[in-house]
Amino acid sequence: MRRDLIHASRPIAMKHIYWLLLILLLSSSALAQTGSLRGQVTDQNGGGVPGAKVTVNGPSGLVKTTNTTARLVS
């Protein structure tokens, strides 16, 4: 009798596991934050500075570094 109870509750347990996994996957993607940053690096005279190193420090300690391009947009 106990064995029948275990086999009968398996599909119910699997449904709960599937829902739990789905919730975990959706919540982790909701917490992932993305963003973008645009701007111009200029010198004292307003001219563009190609090849300037730009570093952004995020609040979580994440650091991203890139170099500016030579392309100027007017």
PDB file of N, CA and C in Angstrom:
ATOM      1  N   MET A   1       0.821  -1.189   0.000  1.00  0.00           N
ATOM      2  CA  MET A   1       0.000   0.000   0.000  1.00  0.00           C
ATOM      3  C   MET A   1       0.869   1.259   0.000  1.00  0.00           C
ATOM      4  N   ARG A   2       1.904   1.258   0.786  1.00  0.00           N
ATOM      5  CA  ARG A   2       2.803   2.417   0.837  1.00  0.00           C
ATOM      6  C   ARG A   2       3.454   2.661  -0.524  1.00  0.00           C
ATOM      7  N   ARG A   3       3.772   1.588  -1.204  1.00  0.00           N
ATOM      8  CA  ARG A   3       4.389   1.691  -2.529  1.00  0.00           C
ATOM      9  C   ARG A   3       3.439   2.359  -3.528  1.00  0.00           C
ATOM     10  N   ASP A   4       2.174   2.038  -3.465  1.00  0.00           N
ATOM     11  CA  ASP A   4       1.180   2.654  -4.349  1.00  0.00           C
ATOM     12  C   ASP A   4       1.066   4.149  -4.081  1.00  0.00           C
ATOM     13  N   LEU A   5       1.164   4.541  -2.828  1.00  0.00           N
ATOM     14  CA  LEU A   5       1.088   5.949  -2.458  1.00  0.00           C
ATOM     15  C   LEU A   5       2.275   6.721  -3.024  1.00  0.00           C
ATOM     16  N   ILE A   6       3.446   6.122  -2.974  1.00  0.00           N
ATOM     17  CA  ILE A   6       4.641   6.772  -3.529  1.00  0.00           C
ATOM     18  C   ILE A   6       4.505   6.949  -5.029  1.00  0.00           C
ATOM     19  N   HIS A   7       4.054   5.928  -5.739  1.00  0.00           N
ATOM     20  CA  HIS A   7       3.883   6.016  -7.191  1.00  0.00           C
ATOM     21  C   HIS A   7       2.779   6.996  -7.572  1.00  0.00           C
ATOM     22  N   ALA A   8       1.753   7.106  -6.763  1.00  0.00           N
ATOM     23  CA  ALA A   8       0.655   8.015  -7.058  1.00  0.00           C
ATOM     24  C   ALA A   8       1.062   9.470  -6.859  1.00  0.00           C
ATOM     25  N   SER A   9       1.968   9.729  -5.922  1.00  0.00           N
ATOM     26  CA  SER A   9       2.354  11.116  -5.653  1.00  0.00           C
ATOM     27  C   SER A   9       3.485  11.605  -6.550  1.00  0.00           C
ATOM     28  N   ARG A  10       4.109  10.741  -7.323  1.00  0.00           N
ATOM     29  CA  ARG A  10       5.202  11.143  -8.197  1.00  0.00           C
ATOM     30  C   ARG A  10       4.812  12.205  -9.233  1.00  0.00           C
ATOM     31  N   PRO A  11       3.724  12.031  -9.974  1.00  0.00           N
ATOM     32  CA  PRO A  11       3.364  13.073 -10.959  1.00  0.00           C
ATOM     33  C   PRO A  11       3.099  14.428 -10.312  1.00  0.00           C
ATOM     34  N   ILE A  12       2.524  14.429  -9.140  1.00  0.00           N
ATOM     35  CA  ILE A  12       2.254  15.689  -8.429  1.00  0.00           C
ATOM     36  C   ILE A  12       3.574  16.345  -8.036  1.00  0.00           C
ATOM     37  N   ALA A  13       4.499  15.545  -7.528  1.00  0.00           N
ATOM     38  CA  ALA A  13       5.810  16.082  -7.143  1.00  0.00           C
ATOM     39  C   ALA A  13       6.551  16.627  -8.360  1.00  0.00           C
ATOM     40  N   MET A  14       6.472  15.945  -9.480  1.00  0.00           N
ATOM     41  CA  MET A  14       7.154  16.404 -10.697  1.00  0.00           C
ATOM     42  C   MET A  14       6.564  17.730 -11.175  1.00  0.00           C
ATOM     43  N   LYS A  15       5.252  17.897 -11.067  1.00  0.00           N
ATOM     44  CA  LYS A  15       4.639  19.176 -11.441  1.00  0.00           C
ATOM     45  C   LYS A  15       5.185  20.301 -10.578  1.00  0.00           C
ATOM     46  N   HIS A  16       5.322  20.042  -9.289  1.00  0.00           N
ATOM     47  CA  HIS A  16       5.866  21.059  -8.398  1.00  0.00           C
ATOM     48  C   HIS A  16       7.318  21.380  -8.735  1.00  0.00           C
ATOM     49  N   ILE A  17       8.085  20.381  -9.079  1.00  0.00           N
ATOM     50  CA  ILE A  17       9.489  20.607  -9.455  1.00  0.00           C
ATOM     51  C   ILE A  17       9.567  21.418 -10.742  1.00  0.00           C
ATOM     52  N   TYR A  18       8.747  21.098 -11.725  1.00  0.00           N
ATOM     53  CA  TYR A  18       8.745  21.868 -12.975  1.00  0.00           C
ATOM     54  C   TYR A  18       8.389  23.333 -12.724  1.00  0.00           C
ATOM     55  N   TRP A  19       7.382  23.582 -11.909  1.00  0.00           N
ATOM     56  CA  TRP A  19       6.989  24.961 -11.604  1.00  0.00           C
ATOM     57  C   TRP A  19       8.095  25.698 -10.859  1.00  0.00           C
ATOM     58  N   LEU A  20       8.737  25.015  -9.927  1.00  0.00           N
ATOM     59  CA  LEU A  20       9.823  25.628  -9.173  1.00  0.00           C
ATOM     60  C   LEU A  20      10.982  26.002 -10.103  1.00  0.00           C
ATOM     61  N   LEU A  21      11.347  25.099 -11.005  1.00  0.00           N
ATOM     62  CA  LEU A  21      12.417  25.398 -11.958  1.00  0.00           C
ATOM     63  C   LEU A  21      12.042  26.564 -12.875  1.00  0.00           C
ATOM     64  N   LEU A  22      10.807  26.592 -13.323  1.00  0.00           N
ATOM     65  CA  LEU A  22      10.355  27.686 -14.188  1.00  0.00           C
ATOM     66  C   LEU A  22      10.421  29.020 -13.451  1.00  0.00           C
ATOM     67  N   ILE A  23       9.983  29.034 -12.226  1.00  0.00           N
ATOM     68  CA  ILE A  23      10.017  30.277 -11.435  1.00  0.00           C
ATOM     69  C   ILE A  23      11.456  30.724 -11.208  1.00  0.00           C
ATOM     70  N   LEU A  24      12.345  29.791 -10.897  1.00  0.00           N
ATOM     71  CA  LEU A  24      13.744  30.142 -10.689  1.00  0.00           C
ATOM     72  C   LEU A  24      14.383  30.703 -11.953  1.00  0.00           C
ATOM     73  N   LEU A  25      14.097  30.108 -13.093  1.00  0.00           N
ATOM     74  CA  LEU A  25      14.661  30.586 -14.354  1.00  0.00           C
ATOM     75  C   LEU A  25      14.139  31.979 -14.703  1.00  0.00           C
ATOM     76  N   LEU A  26      12.852  32.190 -14.520  1.00  0.00           N
ATOM     77  CA  LEU A  26      12.271  33.494 -14.847  1.00  0.00           C
ATOM     78  C   LEU A  26      12.746  34.576 -13.886  1.00  0.00           C
ATOM     79  N   SER A  27      12.877  34.244 -12.622  1.00  0.00           N
ATOM     80  CA  SER A  27      13.298  35.259 -11.663  1.00  0.00           C
ATOM     81  C   SER A  27      14.761  35.642 -11.868  1.00  0.00           C
ATOM     82  N   SER A  28      15.607  34.698 -12.241  1.00  0.00           N
ATOM     83  CA  SER A  28      17.012  35.040 -12.458  1.00  0.00           C
ATOM     84  C   SER A  28      17.180  35.921 -13.689  1.00  0.00           C
ATOM     85  N   SER A  29      16.387  35.695 -14.732  1.00  0.00           N
ATOM     86  CA  SER A  29      16.498  36.557 -15.905  1.00  0.00           C
ATOM     87  C   SER A  29      15.901  37.935 -15.626  1.00  0.00           C
ATOM     88  N   ALA A  30      14.935  38.016 -14.730  1.00  0.00           N
ATOM     89  CA  ALA A  30      14.364  39.316 -14.376  1.00  0.00           C
ATOM     90  C   ALA A  30      15.354  40.142 -13.568  1.00  0.00           C
ATOM     91  N   LEU A  31      16.218  39.488 -12.827  1.00  0.00           N
ATOM     92  CA  LEU A  31      17.201  40.197 -12.018  1.00  0.00           C
ATOM     93  C   LEU A  31      18.407  40.653 -12.827  1.00  0.00           C
ATOM     94  N   ALA A  32      18.630  40.028 -13.972  1.00  0.00           N
ATOM     95  CA  ALA A  32      19.765  40.424 -14.807  1.00  0.00           C
ATOM     96  C   ALA A  32      19.489  41.811 -15.388  1.00  0.00           C
ATOM     97  N   GLN A  33      20.391  42.722 -15.144  1.00  0.00           N
ATOM     98  CA  GLN A  33      20.196  44.085 -15.606  1.00  0.00           C
ATOM     99  C   GLN A  33      21.196  44.399 -16.708  1.00  0.00           C
ATOM    100  N   THR A  34      20.713  45.040 -17.719  1.00  0.00           N
ATOM    101  CA  THR A  34      21.576  45.470 -18.809  1.00  0.00           C
ATOM    102  C   THR A  34      21.379  46.958 -19.018  1.00  0.00           C
ATOM    103  N   GLY A  35      22.293  47.547 -19.692  1.00  0.00           N
ATOM    104  CA  GLY A  35      22.189  48.969 -19.961  1.00  0.00           C
ATOM    105  C   GLY A  35      23.172  49.364 -21.035  1.00  0.00           C
ATOM    106  N   SER A  36      23.125  50.599 -21.401  1.00  0.00           N
ATOM    107  CA  SER A  36      24.072  51.110 -22.385  1.00  0.00           C
ATOM    108  C   SER A  36      24.491  52.518 -21.974  1.00  0.00           C
ATOM    109  N   LEU A  37      25.608  52.902 -22.495  1.00  0.00           N
ATOM    110  CA  LEU A  37      26.157  54.209 -22.179  1.00  0.00           C
ATOM    111  C   LEU A  37      26.707  54.804 -23.459  1.00  0.00           C
ATOM    112  N   ARG A  38      26.320  56.028 -23.749  1.00  0.00           N
ATOM    113  CA  ARG A  38      26.806  56.719 -24.945  1.00  0.00           C
ATOM    114  C   ARG A  38      27.321  58.084 -24.543  1.00  0.00           C
ATOM    115  N   GLY A  39      28.304  58.546 -25.268  1.00  0.00           N
ATOM    116  CA  GLY A  39      28.822  59.862 -24.973  1.00  0.00           C
ATOM    117  C   GLY A  39      29.994  60.196 -25.876  1.00  0.00           C
ATOM    118  N   GLN A  40      30.566  61.340 -25.647  1.00  0.00           N
ATOM    119  CA  GLN A  40      31.713  61.788 -26.422  1.00  0.00           C
ATOM    120  C   GLN A  40      32.823  62.204 -25.467  1.00  0.00           C
ATOM    121  N   VAL A  41      34.044  61.829 -25.827  1.00  0.00           N
ATOM    122  CA  VAL A  41      35.206  62.275 -25.077  1.00  0.00           C
ATOM    123  C   VAL A  41      35.825  63.412 -25.870  1.00  0.00           C
ATOM    124  N   THR A  42      35.902  64.579 -25.255  1.00  0.00           N
ATOM    125  CA  THR A  42      36.436  65.758 -25.956  1.00  0.00           C
ATOM    126  C   THR A  42      37.574  66.384 -25.147  1.00  0.00           C
ATOM    127  N   ASP A  43      38.405  67.125 -25.857  1.00  0.00           N
ATOM    128  CA  ASP A  43      39.478  67.863 -25.187  1.00  0.00           C
ATOM    129  C   ASP A  43      38.974  69.254 -24.787  1.00  0.00           C
ATOM    130  N   GLN A  44      39.861  70.113 -24.289  1.00  0.00           N
ATOM    131  CA  GLN A  44      39.476  71.447 -23.825  1.00  0.00           C
ATOM    132  C   GLN A  44      38.856  72.301 -24.929  1.00  0.00           C
ATOM    133  N   ASN A  45      39.232  72.037 -26.179  1.00  0.00           N
ATOM    134  CA  ASN A  45      38.738  72.833 -27.304  1.00  0.00           C
ATOM    135  C   ASN A  45      37.484  72.233 -27.940  1.00  0.00           C
ATOM    136  N   GLY A  46      36.988  71.136 -27.386  1.00  0.00           N
ATOM    137  CA  GLY A  46      35.771  70.519 -27.942  1.00  0.00           C
ATOM    138  C   GLY A  46      36.055  69.491 -29.013  1.00  0.00           C
ATOM    139  N   GLY A  47      37.308  69.220 -29.310  1.00  0.00           N
ATOM    140  CA  GLY A  47      37.646  68.212 -30.324  1.00  0.00           C
ATOM    141  C   GLY A  47      37.551  66.812 -29.755  1.00  0.00           C
ATOM    142  N   GLY A  48      37.246  65.869 -30.620  1.00  0.00           N
ATOM    143  CA  GLY A  48      37.149  64.472 -30.206  1.00  0.00           C
ATOM    144  C   GLY A  48      38.511  63.897 -29.863  1.00  0.00           C
ATOM    145  N   VAL A  49      38.529  62.930 -28.972  1.00  0.00           N
ATOM    146  CA  VAL A  49      39.768  62.286 -28.554  1.00  0.00           C
ATOM    147  C   VAL A  49      39.683  60.804 -28.932  1.00  0.00           C
ATOM    148  N   PRO A  50      40.167  60.444 -30.125  1.00  0.00           N
ATOM    149  CA  PRO A  50      40.128  59.032 -30.522  1.00  0.00           C
ATOM    150  C   PRO A  50      41.132  58.218 -29.708  1.00  0.00           C
ATOM    151  N   GLY A  51      40.757  57.011 -29.357  1.00  0.00           N
ATOM    152  CA  GLY A  51      41.649  56.126 -28.623  1.00  0.00           C
ATOM    153  C   GLY A  51      41.708  56.388 -27.122  1.00  0.00           C
ATOM    154  N   ALA A  52      40.839  57.243 -26.597  1.00  0.00           N
ATOM    155  CA  ALA A  52      40.835  57.516 -25.152  1.00  0.00           C
ATOM    156  C   ALA A  52      40.293  56.293 -24.418  1.00  0.00           C
ATOM    157  N   LYS A  53      40.900  55.965 -23.294  1.00  0.00           N
ATOM    158  CA  LYS A  53      40.455  54.834 -22.483  1.00  0.00           C
ATOM    159  C   LYS A  53      39.332  55.296 -21.558  1.00  0.00           C
ATOM    160  N   VAL A  54      38.198  54.596 -21.621  1.00  0.00           N
ATOM    161  CA  VAL A  54      37.033  54.928 -20.799  1.00  0.00           C
ATOM    162  C   VAL A  54      36.739  53.741 -19.899  1.00  0.00           C
ATOM    163  N   THR A  55      36.636  53.990 -18.595  1.00  0.00           N
ATOM    164  CA  THR A  55      36.351  52.934 -17.622  1.00  0.00           C
ATOM    165  C   THR A  55      35.088  53.302 -16.853  1.00  0.00           C
ATOM    166  N   VAL A  56      34.185  52.328 -16.734  1.00  0.00           N
ATOM    167  CA  VAL A  56      32.939  52.511 -15.993  1.00  0.00           C
ATOM    168  C   VAL A  56      32.945  51.521 -14.836  1.00  0.00           C
ATOM    169  N   ASN A  57      32.706  52.026 -13.624  1.00  0.00           N
ATOM    170  CA  ASN A  57      32.634  51.193 -12.421  1.00  0.00           C
ATOM    171  C   ASN A  57      31.186  51.083 -11.978  1.00  0.00           C
ATOM    172  N   GLY A  58      30.665  49.865 -11.925  1.00  0.00           N
ATOM    173  CA  GLY A  58      29.288  49.646 -11.507  1.00  0.00           C
ATOM    174  C   GLY A  58      29.174  49.524 -10.001  1.00  0.00           C
ATOM    175  N   PRO A  59      27.966  49.671  -9.468  1.00  0.00           N
ATOM    176  CA  PRO A  59      27.756  49.607  -8.021  1.00  0.00           C
ATOM    177  C   PRO A  59      28.058  48.228  -7.426  1.00  0.00           C
ATOM    178  N   SER A  60      27.991  47.183  -8.236  1.00  0.00           N
ATOM    179  CA  SER A  60      28.268  45.835  -7.721  1.00  0.00           C
ATOM    180  C   SER A  60      29.743  45.482  -7.808  1.00  0.00           C
ATOM    181  N   GLY A  61      30.563  46.437  -8.246  1.00  0.00           N
ATOM    182  CA  GLY A  61      31.998  46.173  -8.374  1.00  0.00           C
ATOM    183  C   GLY A  61      32.405  45.782  -9.775  1.00  0.00           C
ATOM    184  N   LEU A  62      31.452  45.677 -10.685  1.00  0.00           N
ATOM    185  CA  LEU A  62      31.752  45.334 -12.066  1.00  0.00           C
ATOM    186  C   LEU A  62      32.462  46.503 -12.737  1.00  0.00           C
ATOM    187  N   VAL A  63      33.547  46.224 -13.460  1.00  0.00           N
ATOM    188  CA  VAL A  63      34.314  47.261 -14.145  1.00  0.00           C
ATOM    189  C   VAL A  63      34.364  46.922 -15.626  1.00  0.00           C
ATOM    190  N   LYS A  64      34.011  47.872 -16.471  1.00  0.00           N
ATOM    191  CA  LYS A  64      34.082  47.706 -17.923  1.00  0.00           C
ATOM    192  C   LYS A  64      34.975  48.795 -18.480  1.00  0.00           C
ATOM    193  N   THR A  65      35.866  48.420 -19.399  1.00  0.00           N
ATOM    194  CA  THR A  65      36.796  49.366 -20.005  1.00  0.00           C
ATOM    195  C   THR A  65      36.736  49.228 -21.514  1.00  0.00           C
ATOM    196  N   THR A  66      36.813  50.354 -22.210  1.00  0.00           N
ATOM    197  CA  THR A  66      36.847  50.372 -23.663  1.00  0.00           C
ATOM    198  C   THR A  66      37.629  51.584 -24.137  1.00  0.00           C
ATOM    199  N   ASN A  67      37.904  51.628 -25.419  1.00  0.00           N
ATOM    200  CA  ASN A  67      38.590  52.789 -26.014  1.00  0.00           C
ATOM    201  C   ASN A  67      37.637  53.465 -26.999  1.00  0.00           C
ATOM    202  N   THR A  68      37.734  54.777 -27.087  1.00  0.00           N
ATOM    203  CA  THR A  68      36.882  55.505 -28.027  1.00  0.00           C
ATOM    204  C   THR A  68      37.366  55.266 -29.446  1.00  0.00           C
ATOM    205  N   THR A  69      36.491  55.505 -30.393  1.00  0.00           N
ATOM    206  CA  THR A  69      36.828  55.337 -31.812  1.00  0.00           C
ATOM    207  C   THR A  69      37.176  56.691 -32.402  1.00  0.00           C
ATOM    208  N   ALA A  70      37.699  56.656 -33.599  1.00  0.00           N
ATOM    209  CA  ALA A  70      38.072  57.897 -34.276  1.00  0.00           C
ATOM    210  C   ALA A  70      36.885  58.538 -34.975  1.00  0.00           C
ATOM    211  N   ARG A  71      35.762  57.856 -35.042  1.00  0.00           N
ATOM    212  CA  ARG A  71      34.590  58.352 -35.750  1.00  0.00           C
ATOM    213  C   ARG A  71      33.934  59.453 -34.947  1.00  0.00           C
ATOM    214  N   LEU A  72      33.758  60.600 -35.563  1.00  0.00           N
ATOM    215  CA  LEU A  72      33.090  61.742 -34.922  1.00  0.00           C
ATOM    216  C   LEU A  72      31.747  61.966 -35.585  1.00  0.00           C
ATOM    217  N   VAL A  73      30.730  62.178 -34.772  1.00  0.00           N
ATOM    218  CA  VAL A  73      29.381  62.428 -35.272  1.00  0.00           C
ATOM    219  C   VAL A  73      29.064  63.878 -34.984  1.00  0.00           C
ATOM    220  N   SER A  74      28.619  64.583 -36.030  1.00  0.00           N
ATOM    221  CA  SER A  74      28.275  66.002 -35.803  1.00  0.00           C
ATOM    222  C   SER A  74      26.793  66.217 -35.839  1.00  0.00           C
TER     223      SER A  74
END
